[in-house]
C-alpha cells in the first residue's frame, strides 16, 4: 500500500528483456536506504517487489501483465522514475490510498503554464472514465493528484512547483504515456452496487 507521495526521483540503470517479462535496475538512494529482498517499491506508480539491493540500486522483475497495462513496457536505461516505498503503519496519509496496481495508461495532451502552477490535460481511456470525478483522487505515474475537471475522454490536474520539480510530471511532454490508477474505493462501490441496480432495473421492467 502506498500514498502517492513520491519520495525521490530515481533513474533506470539497466533493463533486461526476459521471455514475457523484464528485469529492471533502478537507482534511488532514499528508497534503498532500508530496502531488502521482498520489499515493495512503487516505480512510476507500479508496485514492484525488490529482488536485490546493491550500491543504492535495486532490481525488480516486471511480469507480462504489468508490461501490458503500464508504461513500463517502454522504459529504457537513463529514464527518470518516481519512487515511493510502501507506507508504514501509523504514518500520516499525505495523499490517498494507492495500491500500486495500474489500471491503464493515459497520454499527456497539453500543458498550460500559469504563474504559480501548471494545468496538465491527460487523455482518459474509456473504461476508466466512470471512476474519475471532479475533485476526486487519481494517481498519475505514482503521484497522488486531485482531478480539476473531467470529461468522457480526458481530465486535468493542477501541478504545484514541488510536484513539477520533484517528479517525472515536470518533464512529461504532449504525447508521453503516463500510468493511471483510479481510486480503488470507486471500483469497490461499483462492484457492490451493480448487482442491486440490475435487480431494481429488472423489477421495474416487469
N, C-alpha and C. Protein backbone atom coordinates (compact mmCIF):
# COMPACT_ATOMS: atom_id res chain seq x y z
N UNK A 1 0.84 -1.18 0.00
CA UNK A 1 0.00 0.00 0.00
C UNK A 1 0.88 1.24 0.00
N UNK A 2 0.47 2.26 -0.78
CA UNK A 2 1.23 3.49 -0.91
C UNK A 2 0.30 4.69 -0.69
N UNK A 3 0.88 5.88 -0.71
CA UNK A 3 0.08 7.09 -0.52
C UNK A 3 0.11 8.03 -1.71
N UNK A 4 0.98 7.76 -2.69
CA UNK A 4 1.08 8.64 -3.84
C UNK A 4 1.93 9.86 -3.59
N UNK A 5 2.69 9.86 -2.49
CA UNK A 5 3.63 10.95 -2.20
C UNK A 5 5.03 10.47 -2.59
N UNK A 6 5.52 10.92 -3.72
CA UNK A 6 6.81 10.46 -4.26
C UNK A 6 7.94 10.87 -3.32
N UNK A 7 8.82 9.91 -3.02
CA UNK A 7 9.93 10.18 -2.11
C UNK A 7 11.17 10.70 -2.82
N UNK A 8 11.38 10.23 -4.03
CA UNK A 8 12.54 10.72 -4.77
C UNK A 8 12.38 10.42 -6.26
N UNK A 9 13.13 11.17 -7.04
CA UNK A 9 13.19 10.97 -8.49
C UNK A 9 14.44 10.15 -8.79
N UNK A 10 14.24 8.86 -9.08
CA UNK A 10 15.37 7.98 -9.39
C UNK A 10 15.57 7.87 -10.89
N UNK A 11 16.45 6.96 -11.30
CA UNK A 11 16.61 6.73 -12.73
C UNK A 11 16.93 5.26 -12.99
N UNK A 12 16.60 4.82 -14.17
CA UNK A 12 16.79 3.43 -14.56
C UNK A 12 18.25 3.22 -14.95
N UNK A 13 18.87 2.24 -14.31
CA UNK A 13 20.28 1.93 -14.58
C UNK A 13 20.41 0.91 -15.70
N UNK A 14 19.50 -0.08 -15.72
CA UNK A 14 19.57 -1.13 -16.74
C UNK A 14 18.21 -1.77 -16.92
N UNK A 15 17.98 -2.27 -18.14
CA UNK A 15 16.75 -3.02 -18.46
C UNK A 15 17.15 -4.29 -19.18
N UNK A 16 16.70 -5.43 -18.67
CA UNK A 16 16.99 -6.72 -19.28
C UNK A 16 15.69 -7.36 -19.76
N UNK A 17 15.60 -7.63 -21.05
CA UNK A 17 14.42 -8.30 -21.59
C UNK A 17 14.46 -9.78 -21.28
N UNK A 18 13.32 -10.30 -20.80
CA UNK A 18 13.17 -11.71 -20.49
C UNK A 18 11.94 -12.24 -21.23
N UNK A 19 11.81 -13.56 -21.37
CA UNK A 19 10.60 -14.10 -22.00
C UNK A 19 9.34 -13.68 -21.24
N UNK A 20 8.47 -12.90 -21.88
CA UNK A 20 7.22 -12.43 -21.28
C UNK A 20 7.45 -11.61 -20.01
N UNK A 21 8.60 -11.00 -19.86
CA UNK A 21 8.90 -10.22 -18.66
C UNK A 21 10.10 -9.32 -18.91
N UNK A 22 10.46 -8.56 -17.89
CA UNK A 22 11.66 -7.72 -17.95
C UNK A 22 12.22 -7.59 -16.55
N UNK A 23 13.49 -7.36 -16.45
CA UNK A 23 14.14 -7.10 -15.17
C UNK A 23 14.77 -5.74 -15.24
N UNK A 24 14.46 -4.88 -14.28
CA UNK A 24 15.00 -3.53 -14.30
C UNK A 24 15.83 -3.27 -13.04
N UNK A 25 16.85 -2.44 -13.20
CA UNK A 25 17.64 -1.98 -12.06
C UNK A 25 17.48 -0.47 -11.98
N UNK A 26 17.13 -0.01 -10.79
CA UNK A 26 16.80 1.41 -10.59
C UNK A 26 17.66 1.99 -9.48
N UNK A 27 18.17 3.19 -9.72
CA UNK A 27 18.95 3.89 -8.72
C UNK A 27 18.05 4.80 -7.90
N UNK A 28 18.16 4.68 -6.55
CA UNK A 28 17.39 5.53 -5.66
C UNK A 28 17.92 5.44 -4.25
N UNK A 29 18.82 6.34 -3.85
CA UNK A 29 19.45 6.27 -2.53
C UNK A 29 18.48 6.29 -1.35
N UNK A 30 17.39 7.04 -1.48
CA UNK A 30 16.45 7.14 -0.36
C UNK A 30 15.66 5.85 -0.19
N UNK A 31 15.07 5.35 -1.29
CA UNK A 31 14.21 4.16 -1.16
C UNK A 31 15.01 2.89 -0.90
N UNK A 32 16.30 2.90 -1.22
CA UNK A 32 17.12 1.72 -0.97
C UNK A 32 17.83 1.78 0.39
N UNK A 33 17.66 2.88 1.10
CA UNK A 33 18.38 3.05 2.37
C UNK A 33 18.02 1.97 3.40
N UNK A 34 16.77 1.49 3.35
CA UNK A 34 16.37 0.43 4.27
C UNK A 34 15.69 -0.73 3.55
N UNK A 35 15.86 -0.78 2.21
CA UNK A 35 15.19 -1.82 1.41
C UNK A 35 15.91 -3.15 1.54
N UNK A 36 15.10 -4.21 1.42
CA UNK A 36 15.65 -5.57 1.44
C UNK A 36 14.83 -6.44 0.51
N UNK A 37 15.34 -7.62 0.25
CA UNK A 37 14.67 -8.57 -0.65
C UNK A 37 13.22 -8.78 -0.19
N UNK A 38 12.28 -8.66 -1.15
CA UNK A 38 10.87 -8.88 -0.86
C UNK A 38 10.08 -7.63 -0.54
N UNK A 39 10.76 -6.49 -0.32
CA UNK A 39 10.05 -5.24 -0.05
C UNK A 39 9.35 -4.74 -1.31
N UNK A 40 8.38 -3.85 -1.11
CA UNK A 40 7.66 -3.25 -2.23
C UNK A 40 8.09 -1.81 -2.44
N UNK A 41 8.37 -1.46 -3.69
CA UNK A 41 8.68 -0.09 -4.08
C UNK A 41 7.87 0.24 -5.32
N UNK A 42 7.19 1.38 -5.30
CA UNK A 42 6.42 1.81 -6.47
C UNK A 42 7.33 2.56 -7.43
N UNK A 43 7.32 2.13 -8.69
CA UNK A 43 8.10 2.77 -9.74
C UNK A 43 7.12 3.35 -10.76
N UNK A 44 7.05 4.67 -10.82
CA UNK A 44 6.04 5.34 -11.64
C UNK A 44 4.64 4.80 -11.36
N UNK A 45 4.40 4.52 -10.07
CA UNK A 45 3.07 4.08 -9.66
C UNK A 45 2.83 2.59 -9.74
N UNK A 46 3.81 1.83 -10.19
CA UNK A 46 3.68 0.37 -10.30
C UNK A 46 4.36 -0.28 -9.12
N UNK A 47 3.63 -1.06 -8.35
CA UNK A 47 4.19 -1.76 -7.21
C UNK A 47 5.08 -2.91 -7.70
N UNK A 48 6.37 -2.84 -7.37
CA UNK A 48 7.31 -3.88 -7.76
C UNK A 48 7.97 -4.46 -6.51
N UNK A 49 8.35 -5.73 -6.60
CA UNK A 49 9.00 -6.41 -5.49
C UNK A 49 10.51 -6.39 -5.65
N UNK A 50 11.20 -5.97 -4.62
CA UNK A 50 12.65 -5.89 -4.65
C UNK A 50 13.25 -7.29 -4.68
N UNK A 51 14.11 -7.53 -5.66
CA UNK A 51 14.81 -8.80 -5.78
C UNK A 51 16.19 -8.70 -5.16
N UNK A 52 16.85 -7.57 -5.41
CA UNK A 52 18.23 -7.40 -4.94
C UNK A 52 18.50 -5.92 -4.69
N UNK A 53 19.30 -5.63 -3.67
CA UNK A 53 19.71 -4.26 -3.37
C UNK A 53 21.22 -4.20 -3.36
N UNK A 54 21.77 -3.22 -4.10
CA UNK A 54 23.22 -3.11 -4.17
C UNK A 54 23.62 -1.69 -4.57
N UNK A 55 24.47 -1.05 -3.77
CA UNK A 55 25.04 0.26 -4.10
C UNK A 55 23.98 1.29 -4.50
N UNK A 56 23.00 1.49 -3.63
CA UNK A 56 21.93 2.48 -3.86
C UNK A 56 21.04 2.16 -5.05
N UNK A 57 21.08 0.92 -5.52
CA UNK A 57 20.18 0.50 -6.59
C UNK A 57 19.40 -0.73 -6.15
N UNK A 58 18.26 -0.97 -6.78
CA UNK A 58 17.52 -2.19 -6.54
C UNK A 58 17.06 -2.79 -7.87
N UNK A 59 16.91 -4.11 -7.86
CA UNK A 59 16.46 -4.84 -9.04
C UNK A 59 15.05 -5.36 -8.80
N UNK A 60 14.22 -5.32 -9.83
CA UNK A 60 12.86 -5.85 -9.73
C UNK A 60 12.47 -6.50 -11.05
N UNK A 61 11.65 -7.54 -10.96
CA UNK A 61 11.12 -8.21 -12.14
C UNK A 61 9.75 -7.64 -12.48
N UNK A 62 9.51 -7.43 -13.77
CA UNK A 62 8.24 -6.88 -14.24
C UNK A 62 7.58 -7.93 -15.14
N UNK A 63 6.43 -8.46 -14.71
CA UNK A 63 5.78 -9.53 -15.46
C UNK A 63 4.98 -8.98 -16.63
N UNK A 64 4.52 -9.90 -17.48
CA UNK A 64 3.84 -9.50 -18.72
C UNK A 64 2.59 -8.66 -18.46
N UNK A 65 1.79 -9.03 -17.45
CA UNK A 65 0.58 -8.27 -17.13
C UNK A 65 0.91 -6.81 -16.85
N UNK A 66 1.97 -6.57 -16.11
CA UNK A 66 2.39 -5.21 -15.80
C UNK A 66 2.88 -4.48 -17.04
N UNK A 67 3.63 -5.18 -17.89
CA UNK A 67 4.12 -4.57 -19.12
C UNK A 67 2.96 -4.21 -20.05
N UNK A 68 1.91 -5.04 -20.04
CA UNK A 68 0.76 -4.80 -20.90
C UNK A 68 -0.05 -3.59 -20.44
N UNK A 69 -0.19 -3.44 -19.13
CA UNK A 69 -1.08 -2.41 -18.58
C UNK A 69 -0.39 -1.08 -18.28
N UNK A 70 0.92 -1.06 -18.24
CA UNK A 70 1.61 0.16 -17.80
C UNK A 70 2.64 0.64 -18.83
N UNK A 71 3.17 1.83 -18.56
CA UNK A 71 4.19 2.40 -19.43
C UNK A 71 5.56 1.80 -19.22
N UNK A 72 5.70 0.87 -18.25
CA UNK A 72 7.00 0.25 -18.02
C UNK A 72 7.43 -0.60 -19.21
N UNK A 73 6.51 -0.92 -20.11
CA UNK A 73 6.87 -1.67 -21.31
C UNK A 73 7.85 -0.88 -22.17
N UNK A 74 7.83 0.45 -22.05
CA UNK A 74 8.69 1.30 -22.89
C UNK A 74 9.83 1.93 -22.09
N UNK A 75 10.02 1.47 -20.87
CA UNK A 75 11.05 2.08 -20.04
C UNK A 75 12.43 1.75 -20.58
N UNK A 76 13.36 2.68 -20.45
CA UNK A 76 14.70 2.49 -21.01
C UNK A 76 15.76 3.00 -20.05
N UNK A 77 16.97 2.54 -20.26
CA UNK A 77 18.09 2.96 -19.43
C UNK A 77 18.23 4.49 -19.47
N UNK A 78 18.37 5.09 -18.30
CA UNK A 78 18.51 6.53 -18.21
C UNK A 78 17.22 7.27 -17.91
N UNK A 79 16.07 6.60 -18.07
CA UNK A 79 14.78 7.24 -17.81
C UNK A 79 14.64 7.61 -16.33
N UNK A 80 14.06 8.77 -16.07
CA UNK A 80 13.76 9.16 -14.70
C UNK A 80 12.45 8.50 -14.27
N UNK A 81 12.37 8.09 -13.00
CA UNK A 81 11.19 7.41 -12.49
C UNK A 81 10.85 7.91 -11.09
N UNK A 82 9.55 7.96 -10.79
CA UNK A 82 9.08 8.32 -9.46
C UNK A 82 9.17 7.11 -8.55
N UNK A 83 9.70 7.29 -7.36
CA UNK A 83 9.90 6.18 -6.44
C UNK A 83 9.23 6.46 -5.09
N UNK A 84 8.59 5.42 -4.56
CA UNK A 84 7.97 5.52 -3.24
C UNK A 84 8.00 4.16 -2.56
N UNK A 85 8.46 4.13 -1.33
CA UNK A 85 8.40 2.90 -0.54
C UNK A 85 6.98 2.67 -0.03
N UNK A 86 6.68 1.42 0.30
CA UNK A 86 5.38 1.10 0.86
C UNK A 86 5.15 1.89 2.14
N UNK A 87 3.89 2.27 2.38
CA UNK A 87 3.56 3.07 3.55
C UNK A 87 3.77 2.26 4.83
N UNK A 88 4.25 2.93 5.86
CA UNK A 88 4.43 2.30 7.17
C UNK A 88 3.18 2.53 8.01
N UNK A 89 2.78 1.52 8.78
CA UNK A 89 1.60 1.64 9.63
C UNK A 89 1.83 2.74 10.65
N UNK A 90 0.85 3.64 10.77
CA UNK A 90 0.94 4.70 11.76
C UNK A 90 1.43 6.02 11.22
N UNK A 91 1.90 6.05 9.95
CA UNK A 91 2.36 7.33 9.40
C UNK A 91 1.19 8.11 8.84
N UNK A 92 1.39 9.40 8.63
CA UNK A 92 0.34 10.24 8.07
C UNK A 92 0.07 9.86 6.61
N UNK A 93 -1.19 9.85 6.23
CA UNK A 93 -1.57 9.54 4.85
C UNK A 93 -1.64 10.85 4.08
N UNK A 94 -0.50 11.26 3.50
CA UNK A 94 -0.43 12.56 2.85
C UNK A 94 -1.20 12.65 1.55
N UNK A 95 -1.33 11.52 0.83
CA UNK A 95 -2.05 11.54 -0.44
C UNK A 95 -3.38 10.85 -0.30
N UNK A 96 -3.53 9.68 -0.93
CA UNK A 96 -4.73 8.86 -0.75
C UNK A 96 -4.30 7.40 -0.84
N UNK A 97 -5.23 6.48 -0.62
CA UNK A 97 -4.90 5.07 -0.65
C UNK A 97 -4.56 4.64 -2.07
N UNK A 98 -3.31 4.22 -2.27
CA UNK A 98 -2.82 3.81 -3.59
C UNK A 98 -2.31 2.38 -3.49
N UNK A 99 -2.75 1.52 -4.38
CA UNK A 99 -2.35 0.12 -4.35
C UNK A 99 -1.07 -0.17 -5.13
N UNK A 100 -0.78 0.69 -6.10
CA UNK A 100 0.34 0.39 -6.99
C UNK A 100 -0.05 -0.59 -8.07
N UNK A 101 -1.37 -0.75 -8.27
CA UNK A 101 -1.90 -1.63 -9.32
C UNK A 101 -2.46 -0.75 -10.44
N UNK A 102 -1.66 -0.50 -11.44
CA UNK A 102 -2.02 0.41 -12.52
C UNK A 102 -3.21 -0.13 -13.31
N UNK A 103 -4.20 0.74 -13.53
CA UNK A 103 -5.40 0.34 -14.26
C UNK A 103 -5.25 0.50 -15.77
N UNK A 104 -4.34 1.36 -16.19
CA UNK A 104 -4.14 1.60 -17.61
C UNK A 104 -3.25 2.82 -17.80
N UNK A 105 -3.08 3.22 -19.04
CA UNK A 105 -2.25 4.39 -19.32
C UNK A 105 -3.06 5.48 -19.99
N UNK A 106 -2.69 6.72 -19.71
CA UNK A 106 -3.24 7.86 -20.39
C UNK A 106 -2.13 8.53 -21.18
N UNK A 107 -2.45 9.62 -21.84
CA UNK A 107 -1.46 10.35 -22.65
C UNK A 107 -1.52 11.83 -22.31
N UNK A 108 -0.35 12.43 -22.13
CA UNK A 108 -0.31 13.88 -21.93
C UNK A 108 -0.80 14.55 -23.21
N UNK A 109 -1.85 15.36 -23.10
CA UNK A 109 -2.42 16.03 -24.27
C UNK A 109 -1.92 17.46 -24.42
N UNK A 110 -1.84 18.18 -23.30
CA UNK A 110 -1.41 19.58 -23.36
C UNK A 110 -1.02 20.05 -21.98
N UNK A 111 -0.24 21.14 -21.94
CA UNK A 111 0.17 21.76 -20.68
C UNK A 111 -0.09 23.25 -20.76
N UNK A 112 -0.66 23.80 -19.69
CA UNK A 112 -0.92 25.23 -19.62
C UNK A 112 -0.17 25.81 -18.42
N UNK A 113 0.79 26.68 -18.68
CA UNK A 113 1.59 27.26 -17.60
C UNK A 113 0.91 28.50 -17.04
N UNK A 114 0.85 28.55 -15.72
CA UNK A 114 0.37 29.74 -15.01
C UNK A 114 1.52 30.29 -14.19
N UNK A 115 1.26 31.33 -13.41
CA UNK A 115 2.34 31.97 -12.67
C UNK A 115 2.89 31.06 -11.58
N UNK A 116 2.00 30.35 -10.88
CA UNK A 116 2.44 29.56 -9.73
C UNK A 116 2.13 28.07 -9.85
N UNK A 117 1.57 27.65 -10.93
CA UNK A 117 1.25 26.24 -11.11
C UNK A 117 1.13 25.94 -12.59
N UNK A 118 0.79 24.70 -12.91
CA UNK A 118 0.63 24.30 -14.30
C UNK A 118 -0.54 23.33 -14.42
N UNK A 119 -1.40 23.57 -15.39
CA UNK A 119 -2.53 22.68 -15.66
C UNK A 119 -2.12 21.69 -16.74
N UNK A 120 -2.31 20.39 -16.47
CA UNK A 120 -1.95 19.36 -17.42
C UNK A 120 -3.22 18.60 -17.85
N UNK A 121 -3.40 18.48 -19.16
CA UNK A 121 -4.53 17.73 -19.72
C UNK A 121 -4.05 16.31 -20.05
N UNK A 122 -4.79 15.32 -19.58
CA UNK A 122 -4.38 13.93 -19.76
C UNK A 122 -5.53 13.13 -20.39
N UNK A 123 -5.22 12.38 -21.44
CA UNK A 123 -6.22 11.55 -22.09
C UNK A 123 -6.67 10.43 -21.17
N UNK A 124 -7.97 10.14 -21.19
CA UNK A 124 -8.57 9.18 -20.27
C UNK A 124 -9.15 8.00 -21.04
N UNK A 125 -8.65 6.78 -20.83
CA UNK A 125 -9.20 5.60 -21.50
C UNK A 125 -10.69 5.44 -21.18
N UNK A 126 -11.51 5.07 -22.15
CA UNK A 126 -12.97 4.95 -21.94
C UNK A 126 -13.35 4.06 -20.77
N UNK A 127 -12.64 2.97 -20.55
CA UNK A 127 -13.00 2.04 -19.48
C UNK A 127 -12.74 2.60 -18.09
N UNK A 128 -11.95 3.66 -18.00
CA UNK A 128 -11.64 4.25 -16.70
C UNK A 128 -12.43 5.52 -16.41
N UNK A 129 -13.07 6.07 -17.42
CA UNK A 129 -13.72 7.37 -17.28
C UNK A 129 -14.76 7.38 -16.16
N UNK A 130 -15.48 6.29 -15.97
CA UNK A 130 -16.56 6.28 -14.99
C UNK A 130 -16.05 6.34 -13.55
N UNK A 131 -14.77 6.09 -13.34
CA UNK A 131 -14.20 6.10 -11.99
C UNK A 131 -13.58 7.45 -11.63
N UNK A 132 -13.54 8.37 -12.57
CA UNK A 132 -12.86 9.65 -12.35
C UNK A 132 -13.91 10.74 -12.19
N UNK A 133 -13.83 11.47 -11.07
CA UNK A 133 -14.81 12.52 -10.80
C UNK A 133 -14.09 13.81 -10.43
N UNK A 134 -14.75 14.92 -10.69
CA UNK A 134 -14.19 16.22 -10.35
C UNK A 134 -13.92 16.30 -8.85
N UNK A 135 -12.72 16.76 -8.50
CA UNK A 135 -12.24 16.90 -7.12
C UNK A 135 -12.00 15.55 -6.45
N UNK A 136 -12.05 14.46 -7.22
CA UNK A 136 -11.70 13.16 -6.70
C UNK A 136 -10.20 12.93 -6.81
N UNK A 137 -9.75 11.77 -6.32
CA UNK A 137 -8.32 11.45 -6.35
C UNK A 137 -7.98 10.52 -7.51
N UNK A 138 -6.80 10.71 -8.08
CA UNK A 138 -6.29 9.82 -9.11
C UNK A 138 -4.76 9.80 -8.98
N UNK A 139 -4.18 8.68 -9.35
CA UNK A 139 -2.72 8.56 -9.31
C UNK A 139 -2.17 8.59 -10.73
N UNK A 140 -1.25 9.50 -10.99
CA UNK A 140 -0.63 9.64 -12.30
C UNK A 140 0.86 9.41 -12.15
N UNK A 141 1.37 8.35 -12.75
CA UNK A 141 2.79 7.99 -12.60
C UNK A 141 3.19 7.89 -11.13
N UNK A 142 2.26 7.41 -10.30
CA UNK A 142 2.55 7.24 -8.89
C UNK A 142 2.36 8.46 -8.03
N UNK A 143 1.90 9.56 -8.62
CA UNK A 143 1.70 10.81 -7.88
C UNK A 143 0.22 10.97 -7.56
N UNK A 144 -0.10 11.12 -6.28
CA UNK A 144 -1.48 11.36 -5.86
C UNK A 144 -1.88 12.78 -6.23
N UNK A 145 -2.94 12.89 -7.05
CA UNK A 145 -3.39 14.20 -7.53
C UNK A 145 -4.90 14.34 -7.40
N UNK A 146 -5.35 15.59 -7.38
CA UNK A 146 -6.78 15.89 -7.34
C UNK A 146 -7.25 16.27 -8.74
N UNK A 147 -8.32 15.64 -9.19
CA UNK A 147 -8.88 15.93 -10.51
C UNK A 147 -9.52 17.32 -10.49
N UNK A 148 -9.14 18.17 -11.45
CA UNK A 148 -9.71 19.51 -11.54
C UNK A 148 -10.99 19.49 -12.37
N UNK A 149 -10.88 18.99 -13.60
CA UNK A 149 -12.04 18.84 -14.47
C UNK A 149 -11.97 17.46 -15.13
N UNK A 150 -13.10 16.97 -15.58
CA UNK A 150 -13.13 15.67 -16.23
C UNK A 150 -14.23 15.63 -17.29
N UNK A 151 -13.93 14.98 -18.42
CA UNK A 151 -14.91 14.72 -19.47
C UNK A 151 -14.85 13.25 -19.81
N UNK A 152 -15.49 12.83 -20.86
CA UNK A 152 -15.52 11.42 -21.21
C UNK A 152 -14.17 10.90 -21.69
N UNK A 153 -13.32 11.78 -22.20
CA UNK A 153 -12.07 11.28 -22.77
C UNK A 153 -10.81 11.96 -22.24
N UNK A 154 -10.96 12.85 -21.25
CA UNK A 154 -9.76 13.47 -20.68
C UNK A 154 -10.08 14.10 -19.32
N UNK A 155 -9.02 14.39 -18.57
CA UNK A 155 -9.17 15.11 -17.31
C UNK A 155 -7.99 16.04 -17.15
N UNK A 156 -8.09 16.96 -16.21
CA UNK A 156 -7.00 17.88 -15.95
C UNK A 156 -6.59 17.80 -14.48
N UNK A 157 -5.32 18.09 -14.24
CA UNK A 157 -4.79 18.19 -12.88
C UNK A 157 -3.95 19.45 -12.81
N UNK A 158 -3.84 20.01 -11.62
CA UNK A 158 -3.04 21.21 -11.40
C UNK A 158 -1.79 20.82 -10.62
N UNK A 159 -0.63 21.14 -11.15
CA UNK A 159 0.64 20.74 -10.54
C UNK A 159 1.33 21.95 -9.91
N UNK A 160 1.66 21.81 -8.62
CA UNK A 160 2.37 22.86 -7.91
C UNK A 160 3.87 22.74 -8.21
N UNK A 161 4.65 23.77 -7.91
CA UNK A 161 6.09 23.74 -8.21
C UNK A 161 6.81 22.53 -7.63
N UNK A 162 6.43 22.10 -6.41
CA UNK A 162 7.09 20.96 -5.80
C UNK A 162 6.91 19.71 -6.66
N UNK A 163 5.70 19.48 -7.14
CA UNK A 163 5.43 18.33 -7.99
C UNK A 163 6.17 18.43 -9.31
N UNK A 164 6.23 19.62 -9.87
CA UNK A 164 6.94 19.82 -11.13
C UNK A 164 8.44 19.58 -10.98
N UNK A 165 8.99 19.98 -9.84
CA UNK A 165 10.43 19.86 -9.62
C UNK A 165 10.87 18.46 -9.21
N UNK A 166 10.05 17.77 -8.42
CA UNK A 166 10.49 16.53 -7.77
C UNK A 166 9.91 15.25 -8.35
N UNK A 167 9.11 15.34 -9.43
CA UNK A 167 8.55 14.13 -10.05
C UNK A 167 8.71 14.18 -11.56
N UNK A 168 8.44 13.06 -12.20
CA UNK A 168 8.52 12.98 -13.66
C UNK A 168 7.49 13.87 -14.35
N UNK A 169 6.44 14.25 -13.64
CA UNK A 169 5.39 15.04 -14.27
C UNK A 169 5.87 16.41 -14.69
N UNK A 170 6.98 16.86 -14.13
CA UNK A 170 7.54 18.13 -14.56
C UNK A 170 8.25 18.03 -15.90
N UNK A 171 8.49 16.78 -16.36
CA UNK A 171 9.25 16.57 -17.60
C UNK A 171 8.42 15.94 -18.72
N UNK A 172 7.22 15.50 -18.42
CA UNK A 172 6.40 14.84 -19.43
C UNK A 172 5.95 15.83 -20.50
N UNK A 173 6.00 15.39 -21.76
CA UNK A 173 5.62 16.23 -22.90
C UNK A 173 4.35 15.69 -23.54
N UNK A 174 3.62 16.53 -24.29
CA UNK A 174 2.45 16.04 -25.01
C UNK A 174 2.82 14.82 -25.87
N UNK A 175 2.01 13.78 -25.74
CA UNK A 175 2.27 12.53 -26.44
C UNK A 175 2.88 11.46 -25.56
N UNK A 176 3.45 11.86 -24.41
CA UNK A 176 4.05 10.89 -23.49
C UNK A 176 2.97 10.10 -22.75
N UNK A 177 3.19 8.79 -22.57
CA UNK A 177 2.24 7.99 -21.80
C UNK A 177 2.49 8.15 -20.30
N UNK A 178 1.43 8.03 -19.51
CA UNK A 178 1.54 8.06 -18.05
C UNK A 178 0.67 6.95 -17.47
N UNK A 179 1.12 6.38 -16.36
CA UNK A 179 0.36 5.34 -15.69
C UNK A 179 -0.77 5.95 -14.87
N UNK A 180 -1.94 5.32 -14.94
CA UNK A 180 -3.11 5.79 -14.21
C UNK A 180 -3.62 4.72 -13.26
N UNK A 181 -3.88 5.10 -12.02
CA UNK A 181 -4.58 4.23 -11.09
C UNK A 181 -5.74 5.03 -10.50
N UNK A 182 -6.96 4.57 -10.74
CA UNK A 182 -8.13 5.27 -10.22
C UNK A 182 -8.32 4.92 -8.75
N UNK A 183 -9.20 5.66 -8.10
CA UNK A 183 -9.46 5.43 -6.68
C UNK A 183 -10.09 4.05 -6.49
N UNK A 184 -9.44 3.19 -5.73
CA UNK A 184 -9.91 1.82 -5.53
C UNK A 184 -11.29 1.79 -4.89
N UNK A 185 -11.64 2.79 -4.09
CA UNK A 185 -12.95 2.82 -3.45
C UNK A 185 -14.07 2.89 -4.48
N UNK A 186 -13.83 3.61 -5.57
CA UNK A 186 -14.84 3.72 -6.63
C UNK A 186 -15.10 2.36 -7.27
N UNK A 187 -14.06 1.56 -7.44
CA UNK A 187 -14.22 0.24 -8.07
C UNK A 187 -14.98 -0.71 -7.15
N UNK A 188 -14.73 -0.63 -5.86
CA UNK A 188 -15.44 -1.50 -4.92
C UNK A 188 -16.92 -1.10 -4.82
N UNK A 189 -17.18 0.20 -4.82
CA UNK A 189 -18.57 0.67 -4.78
C UNK A 189 -19.33 0.16 -5.99
N UNK A 190 -18.70 0.26 -7.16
CA UNK A 190 -19.35 -0.22 -8.39
C UNK A 190 -19.62 -1.72 -8.31
N UNK A 191 -18.65 -2.47 -7.83
CA UNK A 191 -18.78 -3.92 -7.73
C UNK A 191 -19.94 -4.32 -6.83
N UNK A 192 -20.11 -3.60 -5.73
CA UNK A 192 -21.17 -3.91 -4.79
C UNK A 192 -22.53 -3.41 -5.25
N UNK A 193 -22.54 -2.27 -5.94
CA UNK A 193 -23.81 -1.63 -6.30
C UNK A 193 -24.45 -2.20 -7.56
N UNK A 194 -23.64 -2.61 -8.54
CA UNK A 194 -24.18 -3.04 -9.83
C UNK A 194 -25.21 -4.15 -9.72
N UNK A 195 -24.97 -5.25 -8.97
CA UNK A 195 -25.99 -6.30 -8.87
C UNK A 195 -27.34 -5.78 -8.35
N UNK A 196 -27.29 -4.86 -7.37
CA UNK A 196 -28.52 -4.30 -6.81
C UNK A 196 -29.23 -3.41 -7.83
N UNK A 197 -28.46 -2.62 -8.57
CA UNK A 197 -29.05 -1.75 -9.59
C UNK A 197 -29.69 -2.58 -10.70
N UNK A 198 -29.04 -3.67 -11.07
CA UNK A 198 -29.61 -4.55 -12.09
C UNK A 198 -30.89 -5.20 -11.60
N UNK A 199 -30.91 -5.58 -10.34
CA UNK A 199 -32.11 -6.20 -9.76
C UNK A 199 -33.27 -5.20 -9.76
N UNK A 200 -32.96 -3.94 -9.39
CA UNK A 200 -34.00 -2.91 -9.38
C UNK A 200 -34.53 -2.65 -10.77
N UNK A 201 -33.58 -2.60 -11.74
CA UNK A 201 -33.97 -2.36 -13.15
C UNK A 201 -34.87 -3.50 -13.65
N UNK A 202 -34.55 -4.73 -13.24
CA UNK A 202 -35.34 -5.87 -13.65
C UNK A 202 -36.75 -5.84 -13.08
N UNK A 203 -36.86 -5.40 -11.83
CA UNK A 203 -38.17 -5.31 -11.19
C UNK A 203 -39.03 -4.22 -11.85
N UNK A 204 -38.38 -3.11 -12.21
CA UNK A 204 -39.12 -2.02 -12.85
C UNK A 204 -39.57 -2.41 -14.25
N UNK A 205 -38.83 -3.31 -14.90
CA UNK A 205 -39.17 -3.71 -16.26
C UNK A 205 -40.35 -4.69 -16.29
N UNK A 206 -40.63 -5.32 -15.16
CA UNK A 206 -41.71 -6.30 -15.11
C UNK A 206 -43.08 -5.65 -15.07
